[in-house]
PDB file of all heavy atoms in Angstrom:
ATOM      1  N   ALA A   1       0.809  -1.173  -0.012  1.00  0.00           N
ATOM      2  CA  ALA A   1      -0.032   0.003  -0.036  1.00  0.00           C
ATOM      3  C   ALA A   1       0.835   1.308  -0.038  1.00  0.00           C
ATOM      4  O   ALA A   1       0.475   2.261  -0.596  1.00  0.00           O
ATOM      5  CB  ALA A   1      -0.991   0.017   1.203  1.00  0.00           C
ATOM      6  N   SER A   2       1.987   1.251   0.611  1.00  0.00           N
ATOM      7  CA  SER A   2       2.764   2.416   0.795  1.00  0.00           C
ATOM      8  C   SER A   2       3.488   2.890  -0.581  1.00  0.00           C
ATOM      9  O   SER A   2       4.018   3.965  -0.681  1.00  0.00           O
ATOM     10  CB  SER A   2       3.883   2.235   1.818  1.00  0.00           C
ATOM     11  OG  SER A   2       4.814   1.220   1.408  1.00  0.00           O
ATOM     12  N   TYR A   3       3.382   2.070  -1.564  1.00  0.00           N
ATOM     13  CA  TYR A   3       4.005   2.396  -2.870  1.00  0.00           C
ATOM     14  C   TYR A   3       3.139   3.537  -3.563  1.00  0.00           C
ATOM     15  O   TYR A   3       3.733   4.216  -4.415  1.00  0.00           O
ATOM     16  CB  TYR A   3       3.942   1.167  -3.794  1.00  0.00           C
ATOM     17  CG  TYR A   3       5.106   0.209  -3.711  1.00  0.00           C
ATOM     18  CD1 TYR A   3       5.769   0.122  -2.460  1.00  0.00           C
ATOM     19  CD2 TYR A   3       5.569  -0.513  -4.746  1.00  0.00           C
ATOM     20  CE1 TYR A   3       6.885  -0.726  -2.284  1.00  0.00           C
ATOM     21  CE2 TYR A   3       6.623  -1.427  -4.582  1.00  0.00           C
ATOM     22  CZ  TYR A   3       7.306  -1.518  -3.386  1.00  0.00           C
ATOM     23  OH  TYR A   3       8.324  -2.383  -3.242  1.00  0.00           O
ATOM     24  N   PHE A   4       1.951   3.709  -3.173  1.00  0.00           N
ATOM     25  CA  PHE A   4       1.046   4.685  -3.734  1.00  0.00           C
ATOM     26  C   PHE A   4       0.744   4.322  -5.210  1.00  0.00           C
ATOM     27  O   PHE A   4      -0.416   4.025  -5.520  1.00  0.00           O
ATOM     28  CB  PHE A   4       1.600   6.120  -3.633  1.00  0.00           C
ATOM     29  CG  PHE A   4       0.582   7.169  -4.002  1.00  0.00           C
ATOM     30  CD1 PHE A   4      -0.388   7.541  -3.056  1.00  0.00           C
ATOM     31  CD2 PHE A   4       0.482   7.744  -5.278  1.00  0.00           C
ATOM     32  CE1 PHE A   4      -1.352   8.496  -3.372  1.00  0.00           C
ATOM     33  CE2 PHE A   4      -0.442   8.664  -5.545  1.00  0.00           C
ATOM     34  CZ  PHE A   4      -1.355   9.044  -4.661  1.00  0.00           C
ATOM     35  N   CYS A   5       1.756   4.341  -6.088  1.00  0.00           N
ATOM     36  CA  CYS A   5       1.456   4.132  -7.504  1.00  0.00           C
ATOM     37  C   CYS A   5       2.707   3.624  -8.217  1.00  0.00           C
ATOM     38  O   CYS A   5       3.827   4.196  -7.863  1.00  0.00           O
ATOM     39  CB  CYS A   5       0.958   5.452  -8.142  1.00  0.00           C
ATOM     40  SG  CYS A   5       0.196   5.286  -9.751  1.00  0.00           S
ATOM     41  N   TYR A   6       2.588   2.661  -9.051  1.00  0.00           N
ATOM     42  CA  TYR A   6       3.655   2.070  -9.828  1.00  0.00           C
ATOM     43  C   TYR A   6       4.532   1.050  -9.020  1.00  0.00           C
ATOM     44  O   TYR A   6       4.854   1.265  -7.870  1.00  0.00           O
ATOM     45  CB  TYR A   6       4.592   3.137 -10.444  1.00  0.00           C
ATOM     46  CG  TYR A   6       3.786   3.996 -11.408  1.00  0.00           C
ATOM     47  CD1 TYR A   6       3.678   5.371 -11.094  1.00  0.00           C
ATOM     48  CD2 TYR A   6       3.165   3.489 -12.508  1.00  0.00           C
ATOM     49  CE1 TYR A   6       2.948   6.197 -11.969  1.00  0.00           C
ATOM     50  CE2 TYR A   6       2.436   4.328 -13.373  1.00  0.00           C
ATOM     51  CZ  TYR A   6       2.349   5.711 -13.096  1.00  0.00           C
ATOM     52  OH  TYR A   6       1.604   6.495 -13.894  1.00  0.00           O
ATOM     53  N   TYR A   7       4.812  -0.056  -9.689  1.00  0.00           N
ATOM     54  CA  TYR A   7       5.622  -1.154  -9.206  1.00  0.00           C
ATOM     55  C   TYR A   7       4.878  -2.061  -8.188  1.00  0.00           C
ATOM     56  O   TYR A   7       5.395  -3.004  -7.712  1.00  0.00           O
ATOM     57  CB  TYR A   7       6.958  -0.699  -8.637  1.00  0.00           C
ATOM     58  CG  TYR A   7       8.048  -0.686  -9.706  1.00  0.00           C
ATOM     59  CD1 TYR A   7       8.210   0.456 -10.460  1.00  0.00           C
ATOM     60  CD2 TYR A   7       8.875  -1.766  -9.941  1.00  0.00           C
ATOM     61  CE1 TYR A   7       9.188   0.463 -11.480  1.00  0.00           C
ATOM     62  CE2 TYR A   7       9.818  -1.778 -10.943  1.00  0.00           C
ATOM     63  CZ  TYR A   7       9.937  -0.642 -11.754  1.00  0.00           C
ATOM     64  OH  TYR A   7      10.907  -0.632 -12.647  1.00  0.00           O
ATOM     65  N   GLU A   8       3.623  -1.705  -7.795  1.00  0.00           N
ATOM     66  CA  GLU A   8       2.917  -2.551  -6.925  1.00  0.00           C
ATOM     67  C   GLU A   8       2.596  -3.924  -7.658  1.00  0.00           C
ATOM     68  O   GLU A   8       2.550  -4.982  -7.042  1.00  0.00           O
ATOM     69  CB  GLU A   8       1.551  -1.949  -6.442  1.00  0.00           C
ATOM     70  CG  GLU A   8       0.578  -1.632  -7.530  1.00  0.00           C
ATOM     71  CD  GLU A   8       0.871  -0.340  -8.300  1.00  0.00           C
ATOM     72  OE1 GLU A   8       1.506   0.561  -7.697  1.00  0.00           O
ATOM     73  OE2 GLU A   8       0.432  -0.241  -9.459  1.00  0.00           O
ATOM     74  N   ASP A   9       2.468  -3.867  -8.936  1.00  0.00           N
ATOM     75  CA  ASP A   9       2.236  -5.125  -9.679  1.00  0.00           C
ATOM     76  C   ASP A   9       3.536  -5.944  -9.853  1.00  0.00           C
ATOM     77  O   ASP A   9       3.502  -7.186  -9.610  1.00  0.00           O
ATOM     78  CB  ASP A   9       1.631  -4.853 -11.118  1.00  0.00           C
ATOM     79  CG  ASP A   9       2.322  -3.754 -11.889  1.00  0.00           C
ATOM     80  OD1 ASP A   9       3.390  -3.299 -11.449  1.00  0.00           O
ATOM     81  OD2 ASP A   9       1.841  -3.432 -12.989  1.00  0.00           O
ATOM     82  N   THR A  10       4.646  -5.262 -10.153  1.00  0.00           N
ATOM     83  CA  THR A  10       5.949  -5.978 -10.293  1.00  0.00           C
ATOM     84  C   THR A  10       6.322  -6.607  -8.954  1.00  0.00           C
ATOM     85  O   THR A  10       6.803  -7.761  -8.882  1.00  0.00           O
ATOM     86  CB  THR A  10       7.009  -5.091 -10.816  1.00  0.00           C
ATOM     87  OG1 THR A  10       6.624  -4.567 -12.113  1.00  0.00           O
ATOM     88  CG2 THR A  10       8.326  -5.772 -10.952  1.00  0.00           C
ATOM     89  N   ASP A  11       6.233  -5.823  -7.892  1.00  0.00           N
ATOM     90  CA  ASP A  11       6.548  -6.322  -6.573  1.00  0.00           C
ATOM     91  C   ASP A  11       5.693  -7.492  -6.195  1.00  0.00           C
ATOM     92  O   ASP A  11       6.183  -8.516  -5.629  1.00  0.00           O
ATOM     93  CB  ASP A  11       6.358  -5.195  -5.562  1.00  0.00           C
ATOM     94  CG  ASP A  11       6.776  -5.617  -4.117  1.00  0.00           C
ATOM     95  OD1 ASP A  11       5.828  -6.121  -3.453  1.00  0.00           O
ATOM     96  OD2 ASP A  11       7.856  -5.390  -3.719  1.00  0.00           O
ATOM     97  N   THR A  12       4.432  -7.397  -6.413  1.00  0.00           N
ATOM     98  CA  THR A  12       3.494  -8.528  -6.066  1.00  0.00           C
ATOM     99  C   THR A  12       3.848  -9.726  -6.839  1.00  0.00           C
ATOM    100  O   THR A  12       3.853 -10.861  -6.335  1.00  0.00           O
ATOM    101  CB  THR A  12       2.025  -8.046  -6.299  1.00  0.00           C
ATOM    102  OG1 THR A  12       1.720  -6.965  -5.526  1.00  0.00           O
ATOM    103  CG2 THR A  12       1.132  -9.207  -5.984  1.00  0.00           C
ATOM    104  N   ALA A  13       4.084  -9.612  -8.164  1.00  0.00           N
ATOM    105  CA  ALA A  13       4.432 -10.740  -8.992  1.00  0.00           C
ATOM    106  C   ALA A  13       5.698 -11.369  -8.570  1.00  0.00           C
ATOM    107  O   ALA A  13       5.858 -12.600  -8.547  1.00  0.00           O
ATOM    108  CB  ALA A  13       4.483 -10.317 -10.460  1.00  0.00           C
ATOM    109  N   TRP A  14       6.694 -10.548  -8.167  1.00  0.00           N
ATOM    110  CA  TRP A  14       7.953 -11.053  -7.719  1.00  0.00           C
ATOM    111  C   TRP A  14       7.769 -11.904  -6.448  1.00  0.00           C
ATOM    112  O   TRP A  14       8.373 -12.989  -6.254  1.00  0.00           O
ATOM    113  CB  TRP A  14       8.877  -9.933  -7.402  1.00  0.00           C
ATOM    114  CG  TRP A  14      10.387 -10.170  -7.489  1.00  0.00           C
ATOM    115  CD1 TRP A  14      10.987 -11.368  -7.188  1.00  0.00           C
ATOM    116  CD2 TRP A  14      11.384  -9.328  -7.962  1.00  0.00           C
ATOM    117  NE1 TRP A  14      12.336 -11.207  -7.402  1.00  0.00           N
ATOM    118  CE2 TRP A  14      12.617 -10.033  -7.903  1.00  0.00           C
ATOM    119  CE3 TRP A  14      11.377  -7.962  -8.452  1.00  0.00           C
ATOM    120  CZ2 TRP A  14      13.821  -9.402  -8.254  1.00  0.00           C
ATOM    121  CZ3 TRP A  14      12.569  -7.428  -8.836  1.00  0.00           C
ATOM    122  CH2 TRP A  14      13.819  -8.111  -8.748  1.00  0.00           C
ATOM    123  N   ARG A  15       6.944 -11.390  -5.522  1.00  0.00           N
ATOM    124  CA  ARG A  15       6.717 -12.218  -4.294  1.00  0.00           C
ATOM    125  C   ARG A  15       5.931 -13.474  -4.558  1.00  0.00           C
ATOM    126  O   ARG A  15       6.239 -14.500  -3.925  1.00  0.00           O
ATOM    127  CB  ARG A  15       5.978 -11.293  -3.271  1.00  0.00           C
ATOM    128  CG  ARG A  15       6.811 -10.218  -2.660  1.00  0.00           C
ATOM    129  CD  ARG A  15       6.092  -9.353  -1.677  1.00  0.00           C
ATOM    130  NE  ARG A  15       5.156  -8.423  -2.323  1.00  0.00           N
ATOM    131  CZ  ARG A  15       3.884  -8.430  -2.152  1.00  0.00           C
ATOM    132  NH1 ARG A  15       3.243  -9.290  -1.379  1.00  0.00           N
ATOM    133  NH2 ARG A  15       3.122  -7.513  -2.841  1.00  0.00           N
ATOM    134  N   LEU A  16       5.047 -13.455  -5.534  1.00  0.00           N
ATOM    135  CA  LEU A  16       4.363 -14.653  -5.877  1.00  0.00           C
ATOM    136  C   LEU A  16       5.364 -15.702  -6.410  1.00  0.00           C
ATOM    137  O   LEU A  16       5.305 -16.911  -6.079  1.00  0.00           O
ATOM    138  CB  LEU A  16       3.246 -14.400  -6.947  1.00  0.00           C
ATOM    139  CG  LEU A  16       1.983 -13.660  -6.435  1.00  0.00           C
ATOM    140  CD1 LEU A  16       1.109 -13.241  -7.564  1.00  0.00           C
ATOM    141  CD2 LEU A  16       1.234 -14.559  -5.442  1.00  0.00           C
ATOM    142  N   ARG A  17       6.267 -15.240  -7.296  1.00  0.00           N
ATOM    143  CA  ARG A  17       7.236 -16.174  -7.866  1.00  0.00           C
ATOM    144  C   ARG A  17       8.187 -16.743  -6.766  1.00  0.00           C
ATOM    145  O   ARG A  17       8.513 -17.928  -6.833  1.00  0.00           O
ATOM    146  CB  ARG A  17       8.031 -15.431  -8.982  1.00  0.00           C
ATOM    147  CG  ARG A  17       7.228 -15.280 -10.204  1.00  0.00           C
ATOM    148  CD  ARG A  17       8.171 -15.180 -11.459  1.00  0.00           C
ATOM    149  NE  ARG A  17       7.334 -15.357 -12.676  1.00  0.00           N
ATOM    150  CZ  ARG A  17       7.022 -16.513 -13.173  1.00  0.00           C
ATOM    151  NH1 ARG A  17       7.424 -17.656 -12.559  1.00  0.00           N
ATOM    152  NH2 ARG A  17       6.284 -16.673 -14.279  1.00  0.00           N
ATOM    153  N   LEU A  18       8.590 -15.915  -5.837  1.00  0.00           N
ATOM    154  CA  LEU A  18       9.412 -16.361  -4.752  1.00  0.00           C
ATOM    155  C   LEU A  18       8.723 -17.467  -3.940  1.00  0.00           C
ATOM    156  O   LEU A  18       9.390 -18.363  -3.451  1.00  0.00           O
ATOM    157  CB  LEU A  18       9.858 -15.207  -3.883  1.00  0.00           C
ATOM    158  CG  LEU A  18      10.922 -14.245  -4.412  1.00  0.00           C
ATOM    159  CD1 LEU A  18      11.055 -13.049  -3.519  1.00  0.00           C
ATOM    160  CD2 LEU A  18      12.323 -14.988  -4.559  1.00  0.00           C
ATOM    161  N   ALA A  19       7.397 -17.331  -3.918  1.00  0.00           N
ATOM    162  CA  ALA A  19       6.635 -18.288  -3.147  1.00  0.00           C
ATOM    163  C   ALA A  19       6.246 -19.507  -3.929  1.00  0.00           C
ATOM    164  O   ALA A  19       5.529 -20.443  -3.444  1.00  0.00           O
ATOM    165  CB  ALA A  19       5.318 -17.620  -2.617  1.00  0.00           C
ATOM    166  N   GLY A  20       6.782 -19.569  -5.196  1.00  0.00           N
ATOM    167  CA  GLY A  20       6.636 -20.795  -5.990  1.00  0.00           C
ATOM    168  C   GLY A  20       5.500 -20.700  -6.963  1.00  0.00           C
ATOM    169  O   GLY A  20       5.230 -21.711  -7.659  1.00  0.00           O
ATOM    170  N   TRP A  21       4.853 -19.593  -7.156  1.00  0.00           N
ATOM    171  CA  TRP A  21       3.683 -19.516  -8.084  1.00  0.00           C
ATOM    172  C   TRP A  21       4.217 -19.022  -9.415  1.00  0.00           C
ATOM    173  O   TRP A  21       5.227 -18.374  -9.563  1.00  0.00           O
ATOM    174  CB  TRP A  21       2.702 -18.538  -7.562  1.00  0.00           C
ATOM    175  CG  TRP A  21       1.979 -18.913  -6.308  1.00  0.00           C
ATOM    176  CD1 TRP A  21       2.242 -18.634  -5.017  1.00  0.00           C
ATOM    177  CD2 TRP A  21       0.790 -19.830  -6.268  1.00  0.00           C
ATOM    178  NE1 TRP A  21       1.407 -19.223  -4.161  1.00  0.00           N
ATOM    179  CE2 TRP A  21       0.473 -19.991  -4.886  1.00  0.00           C
ATOM    180  CE3 TRP A  21       0.073 -20.480  -7.251  1.00  0.00           C
ATOM    181  CZ2 TRP A  21      -0.622 -20.731  -4.505  1.00  0.00           C
ATOM    182  CZ3 TRP A  21      -0.997 -21.235  -6.847  1.00  0.00           C
ATOM    183  CH2 TRP A  21      -1.332 -21.403  -5.506  1.00  0.00           C
ATOM    184  N   ASP A  22       3.441 -19.359 -10.462  1.00  0.00           N
ATOM    185  CA  ASP A  22       3.723 -18.869 -11.833  1.00  0.00           C
ATOM    186  C   ASP A  22       2.821 -17.657 -12.095  1.00  0.00           C
ATOM    187  O   ASP A  22       1.765 -17.449 -11.428  1.00  0.00           O
ATOM    188  CB  ASP A  22       3.429 -19.937 -12.880  1.00  0.00           C
ATOM    189  CG  ASP A  22       4.377 -21.144 -12.767  1.00  0.00           C
ATOM    190  OD1 ASP A  22       5.488 -20.937 -12.213  1.00  0.00           O
ATOM    191  OD2 ASP A  22       4.002 -22.248 -13.200  1.00  0.00           O
ATOM    192  N   VAL A  23       3.186 -16.956 -13.157  1.00  0.00           N
ATOM    193  CA  VAL A  23       2.343 -15.863 -13.723  1.00  0.00           C
ATOM    194  C   VAL A  23       2.259 -16.136 -15.207  1.00  0.00           C
ATOM    195  O   VAL A  23       3.228 -16.347 -15.887  1.00  0.00           O
ATOM    196  CB  VAL A  23       2.968 -14.473 -13.438  1.00  0.00           C
ATOM    197  CG1 VAL A  23       2.102 -13.368 -14.064  1.00  0.00           C
ATOM    198  CG2 VAL A  23       3.201 -14.224 -11.979  1.00  0.00           C
ATOM    199  N   VAL A  24       1.000 -16.113 -15.707  1.00  0.00           N
ATOM    200  CA  VAL A  24       0.792 -16.457 -17.093  1.00  0.00           C
ATOM    201  C   VAL A  24       0.098 -15.267 -17.857  1.00  0.00           C
ATOM    202  O   VAL A  24      -0.459 -14.355 -17.229  1.00  0.00           O
ATOM    203  CB  VAL A  24      -0.098 -17.701 -17.258  1.00  0.00           C
ATOM    204  CG1 VAL A  24       0.636 -18.901 -16.788  1.00  0.00           C
ATOM    205  CG2 VAL A  24      -1.390 -17.539 -16.584  1.00  0.00           C
ATOM    206  N   GLY A  25       0.204 -15.277 -19.199  1.00  0.00           N
ATOM    207  CA  GLY A  25      -0.440 -14.314 -19.992  1.00  0.00           C
ATOM    208  C   GLY A  25      -1.624 -14.907 -20.677  1.00  0.00           C
ATOM    209  O   GLY A  25      -1.798 -16.143 -20.839  1.00  0.00           O
TER     210      GLY A  25
END
């Protein structure tokens, strides 16, 4: 939440990948 705007999606995806999840298109 403290990001306000921008990179909240990249940060979230990075944490998902670290936790073993994939991201697809």
